[in-house]
Each structure stands twice: as C-alpha cells, then as structure tokens.
Amino acid sequence: MISVAIDGPSGAGKSSLAKRLAKDLGYVYVDTGAMYRSIGLYAVRAGVDPKDEAAVTALLPQIKLAIRLVDGAQHIYLNGEDVSDAIRAENIGMAASAVSAHPPVRAFLLDTQRGLAADQNILMDGRDIGTVVLPNATVKIFLTASAEARAERRRKELEEKGQPADFATVLADIQQRDYQDTHRAIAPLKQADDAILVDTSDIGFDESFELLKRTILAHI
C-alpha cells in the first residue's frame, strides 16, 4: 500500500490540496485535522475548556467519529451528526489545537488513523503524520508558507464566505496557532528528517497542486 503524509502549519493549504491530490491519484483522503476539530467542537459544546486535559479526556468515551464519502467529498460525523461545516469555525480551530496537545486524545485517534492506512492507498494530512502517525509513509511532504501569506489567504476565504476579517487579527490567530502547534510537549509540529519541504508562499493553488503531484509521483 502507498501512503502519502503531508504535514504543515495551519493555513498552508494542506486539506484543499490533499483532497484534490487524492482524487487525482485515486487515493483515499484522510483529514486528521477534522478529527481533532470534532473533538474540539464536542468540548466547546460541552462547556469544557479545551486546554483542560482531564476534562477533555473524560469526554472521550462519549465521542464516536465516522468518516464517509458523500458525493465524492469526505464528511465527518460526530455521534451521527455531520459536523463537516461546524468544525471549520475559527474558535473550533483553536480548540482543535488545544485538545491535540493532550496525549489521551492523540492515543484515542492514533489507532484509527493508522488502521485507515493498513489496507488502502491513502493520502493523509495533519501536524504529525510523517513524524508519529505514519513514520514509514511512502512519501512525506512538509507543506508550508509564510504566516503573512497564510493569513491573507484565510482573510480572503472568510471574506468570500461573507465573514469580513481584519488581516492583523487573522495573522495574530495564525501566529498563536503556530506557537501552540510547535511548542506542545507531545508530537509538536516539525518537519520529519526525511520529508520534502514545499513552500507555497509565492505560488497559487494550481501551481502548488502541480508541484506536489510531481513530487509525489517522483517518489512512489
């Protein structure tokens, strides 16, 4: 089985590019970030501080996640509810970053993530896929872009959704998320020693897609 691991910071375009790459290559796409976001969403709805490890851990037995394809797109279900849109809120992204720092949460999801790669060709993106989840992945890519480039992309994305956002605020959120992701004690965001660095600060989506596709095909 072929496995492709794509890691990188928030807003680097991992999910959008990974979805298109998986469809183009005929692989199964696994969005691990959606799993953490779902747990973050559950914690927020339960009135639990996502940074409170004991409180979040106590919620895990109540959580059942499922991933299904709907009209060719991956949807994630939290206890039977399709939360694919709800988990994309800015505050849920921050909650996801917080809950992902808790070892029990990572253990809760690790077996599920590895199991998905055991019997099918997959493309998985996240923060620690190449370093922890799939250390023996066929191809590892570390996808990044400057914080400013990521903030501008996110600002435009929010604006297109009818949610005008201040660039400075979005940039501050991204910088805070980067700090949380790179400084957590368990599986911090970092480039695996054998990962290929791809920086998309100065290129658009289509160019990024073609660059990643060439990189993957050259290494499988």
Protein backbone atom coordinates (compact mmCIF):
# COMPACT_ATOMS: atom_id res chain seq x y z
CA MET A 1 0.00 0.00 0.00
CA ILE A 2 1.15 3.55 -0.78
CA SER A 3 0.85 6.19 1.91
CA VAL A 4 1.50 9.90 1.46
CA ALA A 5 1.92 12.07 4.57
CA ILE A 6 1.50 15.84 4.26
CA ASP A 7 2.31 17.91 7.34
CA GLY A 8 2.49 21.63 7.84
CA PRO A 9 1.18 24.65 9.74
CA SER A 10 -2.37 25.96 9.82
CA GLY A 11 -3.45 27.70 6.63
CA ALA A 12 -0.77 26.17 4.40
CA GLY A 13 -3.47 24.66 2.16
CA LYS A 14 -2.92 21.06 3.25
CA SER A 15 -6.55 19.97 3.24
CA SER A 16 -7.57 21.63 -0.04
CA LEU A 17 -4.50 20.36 -1.86
CA ALA A 18 -4.67 16.91 -0.27
CA LYS A 19 -8.30 16.45 -1.30
CA ARG A 20 -7.55 17.33 -4.91
CA LEU A 21 -4.39 15.21 -4.98
CA ALA A 22 -6.16 12.17 -3.53
CA LYS A 23 -8.95 12.46 -6.10
CA ASP A 24 -6.47 12.88 -8.95
CA LEU A 25 -4.29 9.96 -7.81
CA GLY A 26 -7.18 7.71 -6.83
CA TYR A 27 -6.15 7.53 -3.17
CA VAL A 28 -8.35 7.72 -0.08
CA TYR A 29 -8.05 11.12 1.61
CA VAL A 30 -7.88 11.22 5.41
CA ASP A 31 -8.28 14.64 7.05
CA THR A 32 -6.86 14.11 10.55
CA GLY A 33 -7.38 17.77 11.39
CA ALA A 34 -11.14 17.23 11.06
CA MET A 35 -10.90 14.54 13.74
CA TYR A 36 -9.21 16.90 16.21
CA ARG A 37 -11.61 19.67 15.28
CA SER A 38 -14.53 17.36 16.02
CA ILE A 39 -13.20 16.65 19.50
CA GLY A 40 -12.60 20.37 19.98
CA LEU A 41 -16.18 21.06 18.90
CA TYR A 42 -17.53 18.49 21.33
CA ALA A 43 -15.54 20.02 24.18
CA VAL A 44 -16.73 23.55 23.36
CA ARG A 45 -20.35 22.41 23.15
CA ALA A 46 -19.96 20.60 26.48
CA GLY A 47 -18.70 23.80 28.09
CA VAL A 48 -15.28 22.27 28.72
CA ASP A 49 -12.04 24.23 28.42
CA PRO A 50 -10.17 22.55 25.52
CA LYS A 51 -6.91 23.16 27.41
CA ASP A 52 -8.14 21.14 30.42
CA GLU A 53 -6.65 17.70 29.74
CA ALA A 54 -8.54 15.86 32.49
CA ALA A 55 -11.89 17.36 31.48
CA VAL A 56 -11.37 16.66 27.76
CA THR A 57 -10.17 13.11 28.47
CA ALA A 58 -13.34 12.46 30.47
CA LEU A 59 -15.37 13.29 27.34
CA LEU A 60 -13.64 10.80 25.03
CA PRO A 61 -15.82 7.77 25.91
CA GLN A 62 -18.82 9.82 24.76
CA ILE A 63 -17.34 10.50 21.33
CA LYS A 64 -17.82 8.38 18.21
CA LEU A 65 -16.33 9.60 14.94
CA ALA A 66 -17.02 8.33 11.43
CA ILE A 67 -15.71 9.39 8.04
CA ARG A 68 -17.89 8.88 4.97
CA LEU A 69 -17.79 9.94 1.35
CA VAL A 70 -20.82 11.99 0.29
CA ASP A 71 -20.98 12.87 -3.42
CA GLY A 72 -17.25 12.27 -3.63
CA ALA A 73 -16.42 14.56 -0.70
CA GLN A 74 -15.28 13.47 2.75
CA HIS A 75 -17.67 14.26 5.57
CA ILE A 76 -17.03 13.72 9.25
CA TYR A 77 -19.72 12.65 11.66
CA LEU A 78 -19.68 13.29 15.40
CA ASN A 79 -22.04 10.92 17.18
CA GLY A 80 -24.08 10.63 14.00
CA GLU A 81 -24.18 14.38 13.22
CA ASP A 82 -22.49 15.70 10.10
CA VAL A 83 -20.20 18.39 11.55
CA SER A 84 -18.14 19.00 8.40
CA ASP A 85 -19.11 22.69 8.32
CA ALA A 86 -19.40 23.34 12.07
CA ILE A 87 -15.79 22.32 12.71
CA ARG A 88 -14.42 24.99 10.36
CA ALA A 89 -15.23 27.91 12.67
CA GLU A 90 -12.18 29.89 13.82
CA ASN A 91 -12.75 29.18 17.53
CA ILE A 92 -13.02 25.45 16.82
CA GLY A 93 -9.64 25.57 15.05
CA MET A 94 -8.11 26.97 18.22
CA ALA A 95 -9.92 24.33 20.29
CA ALA A 96 -8.56 21.63 18.00
CA SER A 97 -5.02 22.90 18.54
CA ALA A 98 -5.58 22.78 22.32
CA VAL A 99 -7.09 19.28 22.51
CA SER A 100 -4.45 17.88 20.16
CA ALA A 101 -1.81 18.62 22.81
CA HIS A 102 -3.36 16.06 25.17
CA PRO A 103 -1.76 12.57 24.99
CA PRO A 104 -5.08 10.73 25.66
CA VAL A 105 -6.68 12.49 22.70
CA ARG A 106 -3.81 11.59 20.39
CA ALA A 107 -3.90 7.97 21.58
CA PHE A 108 -7.66 7.91 21.07
CA LEU A 109 -7.22 8.80 17.38
CA LEU A 110 -3.89 7.14 16.55
CA ASP A 111 -5.13 3.58 16.06
CA THR A 112 -7.98 4.81 13.85
CA GLN A 113 -5.61 6.83 11.68
CA ARG A 114 -3.09 4.01 11.29
CA GLY A 115 -5.83 1.49 10.57
CA LEU A 116 -7.01 3.54 7.60
CA ALA A 117 -3.56 3.20 6.00
CA ALA A 118 -3.23 -0.53 6.52
CA ASP A 119 -5.20 -1.82 3.54
CA GLN A 120 -5.63 1.02 1.05
CA ASN A 121 -3.61 3.70 -0.71
CA ILE A 122 -4.09 6.84 1.35
CA LEU A 123 -3.12 10.49 1.46
CA MET A 124 -3.22 11.86 5.00
CA ASP A 125 -2.57 15.40 6.17
CA GLY A 126 -2.05 16.87 9.61
CA ARG A 127 0.64 18.06 12.01
CA ASP A 128 2.47 14.83 12.93
CA ILE A 129 1.62 12.34 10.18
CA GLY A 130 5.18 11.85 8.94
CA THR A 131 6.74 12.02 12.40
CA VAL A 132 4.29 9.98 14.51
CA VAL A 133 1.19 8.59 12.79
CA LEU A 134 2.84 7.16 9.65
CA PRO A 135 6.60 7.23 10.29
CA ASN A 136 7.11 4.74 7.44
CA ALA A 137 4.99 6.61 4.88
CA THR A 138 5.99 6.09 1.25
CA VAL A 139 6.28 9.85 0.69
CA LYS A 140 6.48 12.61 3.30
CA ILE A 141 5.91 16.26 2.46
CA PHE A 142 6.19 19.27 4.75
CA LEU A 143 3.97 21.93 3.20
CA THR A 144 4.45 25.47 4.42
CA ALA A 145 4.08 29.15 3.56
CA SER A 146 4.88 32.38 5.38
CA ALA A 147 2.48 33.40 8.16
CA GLU A 148 1.62 36.52 6.16
CA ALA A 149 0.76 34.55 3.03
CA ARG A 150 -1.39 32.14 5.05
CA ALA A 151 -3.17 34.98 6.82
CA GLU A 152 -4.02 36.73 3.56
CA ARG A 153 -5.39 33.50 2.07
CA ARG A 154 -7.51 32.94 5.18
CA ARG A 155 -8.76 36.54 5.14
CA LYS A 156 -9.89 36.16 1.52
CA GLU A 157 -11.52 32.83 2.28
CA LEU A 158 -13.52 34.36 5.14
CA GLU A 159 -14.46 37.35 3.01
CA GLU A 160 -15.78 35.04 0.28
CA LYS A 161 -17.96 33.36 2.90
CA GLY A 162 -19.42 36.72 3.90
CA GLN A 163 -17.33 36.94 7.06
CA PRO A 164 -15.11 40.05 6.65
CA ALA A 165 -11.96 39.72 8.76
CA ASP A 166 -9.16 42.06 9.74
CA PHE A 167 -5.78 40.94 8.37
CA ALA A 168 -3.93 41.74 11.60
CA THR A 169 -6.41 39.69 13.65
CA VAL A 170 -6.18 36.71 11.31
CA LEU A 171 -2.37 36.93 11.30
CA ALA A 172 -2.29 37.02 15.10
CA ASP A 173 -4.53 33.94 15.26
CA ILE A 174 -2.28 32.05 12.85
CA GLN A 175 0.86 33.02 14.77
CA GLN A 176 -0.75 31.87 18.02
CA ARG A 177 -1.79 28.60 16.40
CA ASP A 178 1.76 28.10 15.07
CA TYR A 179 3.19 28.65 18.53
CA GLN A 180 0.77 26.16 20.11
CA ASP A 181 1.41 23.54 17.43
CA THR A 182 5.21 23.80 17.54
CA HIS A 183 5.60 24.06 21.31
CA ARG A 184 3.29 21.34 22.60
CA ALA A 185 5.01 18.60 24.57
CA ILE A 186 3.51 15.71 22.61
CA ALA A 187 4.15 15.34 18.87
CA PRO A 188 4.85 19.01 18.11
CA LEU A 189 4.63 20.23 14.54
CA LYS A 190 8.01 19.77 12.86
CA GLN A 191 9.43 18.59 9.58
CA ALA A 192 10.36 14.91 9.56
CA ASP A 193 14.01 14.28 8.75
CA ASP A 194 13.06 12.52 5.51
CA ALA A 195 10.24 14.88 4.48
CA ILE A 196 10.42 17.02 1.35
CA LEU A 197 9.95 20.74 2.08
CA VAL A 198 7.48 22.52 -0.20
CA ASP A 199 6.97 26.28 0.31
CA THR A 200 3.95 27.79 -1.45
CA SER A 201 4.30 31.38 -0.18
CA ASP A 202 4.73 32.77 -3.69
CA ILE A 203 2.65 30.40 -5.83
CA GLY A 204 -1.07 29.85 -6.27
CA PHE A 205 -3.24 26.81 -5.70
CA ASP A 206 -2.91 25.28 -9.18
CA GLU A 207 0.86 25.68 -9.20
CA SER A 208 1.04 24.18 -5.72
CA PHE A 209 -1.06 21.23 -6.84
CA GLU A 210 1.14 20.52 -9.85
CA LEU A 211 4.31 20.83 -7.75
CA LEU A 212 3.00 18.42 -5.11
CA LYS A 213 1.76 15.95 -7.70
CA ARG A 214 5.15 15.88 -9.44
CA THR A 215 6.89 15.47 -6.11
CA ILE A 216 4.68 12.54 -5.06
CA LEU A 217 4.91 10.73 -8.40
CA ALA A 218 8.68 11.10 -8.40
CA HIS A 219 8.97 9.32 -5.06
CA ILE A 220 6.49 6.41 -5.22
